[in-house]
Amino acid sequence: MTQQNKETTLCCPLCGSEEYLLSEKNSMLCAECGSFFEDLEQVVAFEPHINLVMAERKTVIPLHACH
């Protein structure tokens, strides 16, 4: 197992970005796609699956509705 595999890095589960804001109330806001996660412990619990998804990182394009 390589050193990179031993270390875990928190990232956005939707876009894979490692740029985010953390709050004192255990929430996370992704700086790249704008996703908001209220319970960071749930995101971290599923991180091994997220790392597998990041191997096939895709571009996330926000959809906007115009009225």
PDB file of N, CA and C in Angstrom:
ATOM      1  N   MET A   1       0.848  -1.177   0.000  1.00  0.00           N
ATOM      2  CA  MET A   1       0.000   0.000   0.000  1.00  0.00           C
ATOM      3  C   MET A   1       0.894   1.240   0.000  1.00  0.00           C
ATOM      4  N   THR A   2       0.629   2.182  -0.861  1.00  0.00           N
ATOM      5  CA  THR A   2       1.450   3.382  -0.948  1.00  0.00           C
ATOM      6  C   THR A   2       1.086   4.362   0.150  1.00  0.00           C
ATOM      7  N   GLN A   3       1.963   5.330   0.358  1.00  0.00           N
ATOM      8  CA  GLN A   3       1.719   6.351   1.380  1.00  0.00           C
ATOM      9  C   GLN A   3       0.449   7.129   1.063  1.00  0.00           C
ATOM     10  N   GLN A   4       0.195   7.398  -0.224  1.00  0.00           N
ATOM     11  CA  GLN A   4      -0.995   8.142  -0.616  1.00  0.00           C
ATOM     12  C   GLN A   4      -2.266   7.378  -0.246  1.00  0.00           C
ATOM     13  N   ASN A   5      -2.275   6.067  -0.386  1.00  0.00           N
ATOM     14  CA  ASN A   5      -3.447   5.271  -0.039  1.00  0.00           C
ATOM     15  C   ASN A   5      -3.670   5.209   1.464  1.00  0.00           C
ATOM     16  N   LYS A   6      -2.595   5.298   2.255  1.00  0.00           N
ATOM     17  CA  LYS A   6      -2.727   5.244   3.706  1.00  0.00           C
ATOM     18  C   LYS A   6      -3.351   6.518   4.258  1.00  0.00           C
ATOM     19  N   GLU A   7      -3.031   7.650   3.638  1.00  0.00           N
ATOM     20  CA  GLU A   7      -3.565   8.920   4.102  1.00  0.00           C
ATOM     21  C   GLU A   7      -4.918   9.169   3.450  1.00  0.00           C
ATOM     22  N   THR A   8      -5.846   9.678   4.230  1.00  0.00           N
ATOM     23  CA  THR A   8      -7.148  10.007   3.677  1.00  0.00           C
ATOM     24  C   THR A   8      -7.292  11.512   3.617  1.00  0.00           C
ATOM     25  N   THR A   9      -7.879  11.991   2.544  1.00  0.00           N
ATOM     26  CA  THR A   9      -8.102  13.412   2.349  1.00  0.00           C
ATOM     27  C   THR A   9      -9.585  13.639   2.161  1.00  0.00           C
ATOM     28  N   LEU A  10     -10.132  14.533   2.932  1.00  0.00           N
ATOM     29  CA  LEU A  10     -11.539  14.864   2.799  1.00  0.00           C
ATOM     30  C   LEU A  10     -11.756  15.608   1.495  1.00  0.00           C
ATOM     31  N   CYS A  11     -12.806  15.241   0.775  1.00  0.00           N
ATOM     32  CA  CYS A  11     -13.129  15.913  -0.478  1.00  0.00           C
ATOM     33  C   CYS A  11     -14.639  15.929  -0.657  1.00  0.00           C
ATOM     34  N   CYS A  12     -15.105  16.736  -1.584  1.00  0.00           N
ATOM     35  CA  CYS A  12     -16.535  16.808  -1.880  1.00  0.00           C
ATOM     36  C   CYS A  12     -16.975  15.497  -2.528  1.00  0.00           C
ATOM     37  N   PRO A  13     -18.004  14.854  -2.012  1.00  0.00           N
ATOM     38  CA  PRO A  13     -18.452  13.590  -2.598  1.00  0.00           C
ATOM     39  C   PRO A  13     -19.122  13.760  -3.958  1.00  0.00           C
ATOM     40  N   LEU A  14     -19.515  14.971  -4.312  1.00  0.00           N
ATOM     41  CA  LEU A  14     -20.172  15.176  -5.603  1.00  0.00           C
ATOM     42  C   LEU A  14     -19.208  15.525  -6.725  1.00  0.00           C
ATOM     43  N   CYS A  15     -18.229  16.378  -6.458  1.00  0.00           N
ATOM     44  CA  CYS A  15     -17.323  16.796  -7.532  1.00  0.00           C
ATOM     45  C   CYS A  15     -15.878  16.381  -7.296  1.00  0.00           C
ATOM     46  N   GLY A  16     -15.533  15.943  -6.076  1.00  0.00           N
ATOM     47  CA  GLY A  16     -14.176  15.500  -5.787  1.00  0.00           C
ATOM     48  C   GLY A  16     -13.206  16.608  -5.419  1.00  0.00           C
ATOM     49  N   SER A  17     -13.693  17.829  -5.287  1.00  0.00           N
ATOM     50  CA  SER A  17     -12.823  18.953  -4.951  1.00  0.00           C
ATOM     51  C   SER A  17     -12.300  18.833  -3.522  1.00  0.00           C
ATOM     52  N   GLU A  18     -11.054  19.225  -3.323  1.00  0.00           N
ATOM     53  CA  GLU A  18     -10.463  19.249  -1.986  1.00  0.00           C
ATOM     54  C   GLU A  18     -10.477  20.658  -1.406  1.00  0.00           C
ATOM     55  N   GLU A  19     -11.221  21.577  -2.032  1.00  0.00           N
ATOM     56  CA  GLU A  19     -11.349  22.947  -1.542  1.00  0.00           C
ATOM     57  C   GLU A  19     -12.746  23.113  -0.960  1.00  0.00           C
ATOM     58  N   TYR A  20     -12.804  23.440   0.323  1.00  0.00           N
ATOM     59  CA  TYR A  20     -14.089  23.520   1.006  1.00  0.00           C
ATOM     60  C   TYR A  20     -13.966  24.394   2.242  1.00  0.00           C
ATOM     61  N   LEU A  21     -15.100  24.756   2.810  1.00  0.00           N
ATOM     62  CA  LEU A  21     -15.158  25.491   4.069  1.00  0.00           C
ATOM     63  C   LEU A  21     -15.790  24.591   5.110  1.00  0.00           C
ATOM     64  N   LEU A  22     -15.219  24.567   6.308  1.00  0.00           N
ATOM     65  CA  LEU A  22     -15.760  23.780   7.412  1.00  0.00           C
ATOM     66  C   LEU A  22     -16.285  24.721   8.476  1.00  0.00           C
ATOM     67  N   SER A  23     -17.421  24.361   9.070  1.00  0.00           N
ATOM     68  CA  SER A  23     -17.969  25.181  10.148  1.00  0.00           C
ATOM     69  C   SER A  23     -17.754  24.493  11.488  1.00  0.00           C
ATOM     70  N   GLU A  24     -17.941  25.248  12.550  1.00  0.00           N
ATOM     71  CA  GLU A  24     -17.833  24.693  13.900  1.00  0.00           C
ATOM     72  C   GLU A  24     -19.009  23.772  14.214  1.00  0.00           C
ATOM     73  N   LYS A  25     -20.066  23.840  13.432  1.00  0.00           N
ATOM     74  CA  LYS A  25     -21.265  23.024  13.664  1.00  0.00           C
ATOM     75  C   LYS A  25     -21.251  21.743  12.840  1.00  0.00           C
ATOM     76  N   ASN A  26     -20.059  21.318  12.394  1.00  0.00           N
ATOM     77  CA  ASN A  26     -19.895  20.046  11.700  1.00  0.00           C
ATOM     78  C   ASN A  26     -20.561  20.020  10.325  1.00  0.00           C
ATOM     79  N   SER A  27     -20.464  21.118   9.587  1.00  0.00           N
ATOM     80  CA  SER A  27     -20.990  21.154   8.228  1.00  0.00           C
ATOM     81  C   SER A  27     -19.882  21.567   7.265  1.00  0.00           C
ATOM     82  N   MET A  28     -20.108  21.306   5.974  1.00  0.00           N
ATOM     83  CA  MET A  28     -19.095  21.563   4.961  1.00  0.00           C
ATOM     84  C   MET A  28     -19.733  22.194   3.739  1.00  0.00           C
ATOM     85  N   LEU A  29     -19.063  23.194   3.159  1.00  0.00           N
ATOM     86  CA  LEU A  29     -19.499  23.844   1.927  1.00  0.00           C
ATOM     87  C   LEU A  29     -18.382  23.687   0.903  1.00  0.00           C
ATOM     88  N   CYS A  30     -18.698  23.065  -0.234  1.00  0.00           N
ATOM     89  CA  CYS A  30     -17.702  22.855  -1.279  1.00  0.00           C
ATOM     90  C   CYS A  30     -17.452  24.175  -2.006  1.00  0.00           C
ATOM     91  N   ALA A  31     -16.185  24.540  -2.168  1.00  0.00           N
ATOM     92  CA  ALA A  31     -15.826  25.786  -2.849  1.00  0.00           C
ATOM     93  C   ALA A  31     -15.946  25.665  -4.362  1.00  0.00           C
ATOM     94  N   GLU A  32     -15.944  24.440  -4.883  1.00  0.00           N
ATOM     95  CA  GLU A  32     -15.983  24.269  -6.337  1.00  0.00           C
ATOM     96  C   GLU A  32     -17.409  24.175  -6.875  1.00  0.00           C
ATOM     97  N   CYS A  33     -18.234  23.300  -6.303  1.00  0.00           N
ATOM     98  CA  CYS A  33     -19.585  23.114  -6.851  1.00  0.00           C
ATOM     99  C   CYS A  33     -20.674  23.732  -5.985  1.00  0.00           C
ATOM    100  N   GLY A  34     -20.336  24.184  -4.768  1.00  0.00           N
ATOM    101  CA  GLY A  34     -21.315  24.848  -3.910  1.00  0.00           C
ATOM    102  C   GLY A  34     -22.199  23.912  -3.109  1.00  0.00           C
ATOM    103  N   SER A  35     -21.906  22.627  -3.107  1.00  0.00           N
ATOM    104  CA  SER A  35     -22.712  21.671  -2.340  1.00  0.00           C
ATOM    105  C   SER A  35     -22.532  21.912  -0.848  1.00  0.00           C
ATOM    106  N   PHE A  36     -23.622  21.763  -0.095  1.00  0.00           N
ATOM    107  CA  PHE A  36     -23.594  21.966   1.352  1.00  0.00           C
ATOM    108  C   PHE A  36     -23.957  20.662   2.037  1.00  0.00           C
ATOM    109  N   PHE A  37     -23.144  20.250   3.000  1.00  0.00           N
ATOM    110  CA  PHE A  37     -23.375  19.025   3.750  1.00  0.00           C
ATOM    111  C   PHE A  37     -23.522  19.385   5.214  1.00  0.00           C
ATOM    112  N   GLU A  38     -24.671  19.034   5.803  1.00  0.00           N
ATOM    113  CA  GLU A  38     -24.961  19.407   7.186  1.00  0.00           C
ATOM    114  C   GLU A  38     -24.231  18.549   8.203  1.00  0.00           C
ATOM    115  N   ASP A  39     -24.010  17.277   7.900  1.00  0.00           N
ATOM    116  CA  ASP A  39     -23.386  16.366   8.861  1.00  0.00           C
ATOM    117  C   ASP A  39     -22.097  15.806   8.270  1.00  0.00           C
ATOM    118  N   LEU A  40     -20.987  16.415   8.610  1.00  0.00           N
ATOM    119  CA  LEU A  40     -19.693  16.025   8.065  1.00  0.00           C
ATOM    120  C   LEU A  40     -19.303  14.604   8.455  1.00  0.00           C
ATOM    121  N   GLU A  41     -19.756  14.116   9.610  1.00  0.00           N
ATOM    122  CA  GLU A  41     -19.430  12.754  10.032  1.00  0.00           C
ATOM    123  C   GLU A  41     -19.980  11.727   9.050  1.00  0.00           C
ATOM    124  N   GLN A  42     -21.129  11.984   8.451  1.00  0.00           N
ATOM    125  CA  GLN A  42     -21.677  11.062   7.459  1.00  0.00           C
ATOM    126  C   GLN A  42     -20.840  11.077   6.190  1.00  0.00           C
ATOM    127  N   VAL A  43     -20.326  12.231   5.806  1.00  0.00           N
ATOM    128  CA  VAL A  43     -19.477  12.328   4.619  1.00  0.00           C
ATOM    129  C   VAL A  43     -18.186  11.550   4.836  1.00  0.00           C
ATOM    130  N   VAL A  44     -17.563  11.704   5.993  1.00  0.00           N
ATOM    131  CA  VAL A  44     -16.315  11.014   6.305  1.00  0.00           C
ATOM    132  C   VAL A  44     -16.534   9.507   6.390  1.00  0.00           C
ATOM    133  N   ALA A  45     -17.681   9.064   6.883  1.00  0.00           N
ATOM    134  CA  ALA A  45     -17.964   7.633   7.005  1.00  0.00           C
ATOM    135  C   ALA A  45     -17.973   6.949   5.644  1.00  0.00           C
ATOM    136  N   PHE A  46     -18.344   7.661   4.603  1.00  0.00           N
ATOM    137  CA  PHE A  46     -18.410   7.082   3.265  1.00  0.00           C
ATOM    138  C   PHE A  46     -17.207   7.444   2.404  1.00  0.00           C
ATOM    139  N   GLU A  47     -16.165   7.994   3.001  1.00  0.00           N
ATOM    140  CA  GLU A  47     -15.006   8.463   2.241  1.00  0.00           C
ATOM    141  C   GLU A  47     -14.320   7.388   1.403  1.00  0.00           C
ATOM    142  N   PRO A  48     -14.151   6.134   1.852  1.00  0.00           N
ATOM    143  CA  PRO A  48     -13.503   5.147   0.983  1.00  0.00           C
ATOM    144  C   PRO A  48     -14.208   4.991  -0.358  1.00  0.00           C
ATOM    145  N   HIS A  49     -15.530   5.038  -0.361  1.00  0.00           N
ATOM    146  CA  HIS A  49     -16.284   4.969  -1.610  1.00  0.00           C
ATOM    147  C   HIS A  49     -16.042   6.220  -2.447  1.00  0.00           C
ATOM    148  N   ILE A  50     -15.939   7.361  -1.796  1.00  0.00           N
ATOM    149  CA  ILE A  50     -15.701   8.615  -2.493  1.00  0.00           C
ATOM    150  C   ILE A  50     -14.354   8.577  -3.206  1.00  0.00           C
ATOM    151  N   ASN A  51     -13.350   8.019  -2.572  1.00  0.00           N
ATOM    152  CA  ASN A  51     -12.031   7.936  -3.197  1.00  0.00           C
ATOM    153  C   ASN A  51     -12.077   7.107  -4.473  1.00  0.00           C
ATOM    154  N   LEU A  52     -12.891   6.053  -4.504  1.00  0.00           N
ATOM    155  CA  LEU A  52     -13.032   5.259  -5.714  1.00  0.00           C
ATOM    156  C   LEU A  52     -13.718   6.056  -6.811  1.00  0.00           C
ATOM    157  N   VAL A  53     -14.711   6.839  -6.459  1.00  0.00           N
ATOM    158  CA  VAL A  53     -15.420   7.657  -7.432  1.00  0.00           C
ATOM    159  C   VAL A  53     -14.486   8.716  -8.012  1.00  0.00           C
ATOM    160  N   MET A  54     -13.571   9.238  -7.188  1.00  0.00           N
ATOM    161  CA  MET A  54     -12.663  10.281  -7.657  1.00  0.00           C
ATOM    162  C   MET A  54     -11.729   9.787  -8.758  1.00  0.00           C
ATOM    163  N   ALA A  55     -11.511   8.490  -8.855  1.00  0.00           N
ATOM    164  CA  ALA A  55     -10.658   7.972  -9.915  1.00  0.00           C
ATOM    165  C   ALA A  55     -11.264   8.261 -11.284  1.00  0.00           C
ATOM    166  N   GLU A  56     -12.574   8.393 -11.340  1.00  0.00           N
ATOM    167  CA  GLU A  56     -13.281   8.712 -12.574  1.00  0.00           C
ATOM    168  C   GLU A  56     -13.942  10.077 -12.444  1.00  0.00           C
ATOM    169  N   ARG A  57     -13.188  11.073 -12.016  1.00  0.00           N
ATOM    170  CA  ARG A  57     -13.721  12.411 -11.757  1.00  0.00           C
ATOM    171  C   ARG A  57     -14.369  12.999 -13.003  1.00  0.00           C
ATOM    172  N   LYS A  58     -15.556  13.512 -12.812  1.00  0.00           N
ATOM    173  CA  LYS A  58     -16.304  14.116 -13.908  1.00  0.00           C
ATOM    174  C   LYS A  58     -16.559  15.584 -13.593  1.00  0.00           C
ATOM    175  N   THR A  59     -16.816  16.355 -14.614  1.00  0.00           N
ATOM    176  CA  THR A  59     -17.104  17.767 -14.434  1.00  0.00           C
ATOM    177  C   THR A  59     -18.554  17.937 -14.008  1.00  0.00           C
ATOM    178  N   VAL A  60     -18.766  18.745 -12.981  1.00  0.00           N
ATOM    179  CA  VAL A  60     -20.112  19.027 -12.500  1.00  0.00           C
ATOM    180  C   VAL A  60     -20.499  20.412 -12.991  1.00  0.00           C
ATOM    181  N   ILE A  61     -21.611  20.494 -13.718  1.00  0.00           N
ATOM    182  CA  ILE A  61     -22.090  21.770 -14.229  1.00  0.00           C
ATOM    183  C   ILE A  61     -23.405  22.090 -13.535  1.00  0.00           C
ATOM    184  N   PRO A  62     -23.459  23.191 -12.788  1.00  0.00           N
ATOM    185  CA  PRO A  62     -24.711  23.542 -12.113  1.00  0.00           C
ATOM    186  C   PRO A  62     -25.787  23.922 -13.123  1.00  0.00           C
ATOM    187  N   LEU A  63     -26.992  23.473 -12.857  1.00  0.00           N
ATOM    188  CA  LEU A  63     -28.127  23.806 -13.711  1.00  0.00           C
ATOM    189  C   LEU A  63     -28.908  24.938 -13.073  1.00  0.00           C
ATOM    190  N   HIS A  64     -29.266  25.929 -13.864  1.00  0.00           N
ATOM    191  CA  HIS A  64     -30.010  27.075 -13.362  1.00  0.00           C
ATOM    192  C   HIS A  64     -31.340  27.167 -14.105  1.00  0.00           C
ATOM    193  N   ALA A  65     -32.399  27.387 -13.371  1.00  0.00           N
ATOM    194  CA  ALA A  65     -33.719  27.550 -13.974  1.00  0.00           C
ATOM    195  C   ALA A  65     -34.033  29.037 -14.079  1.00  0.00           C
ATOM    196  N   CYS A  66     -34.505  29.454 -15.216  1.00  0.00           N
ATOM    197  CA  CYS A  66     -34.891  30.858 -15.423  1.00  0.00           C
ATOM    198  C   CYS A  66     -36.407  30.952 -15.463  1.00  0.00           C
ATOM    199  N   HIS A  67     -36.945  31.913 -14.753  1.00  0.00           N
ATOM    200  CA  HIS A  67     -38.400  32.087 -14.723  1.00  0.00           C
ATOM    201  C   HIS A  67     -38.798  33.298 -15.506  1.00  0.00           C
TER     202      HIS A  67
END
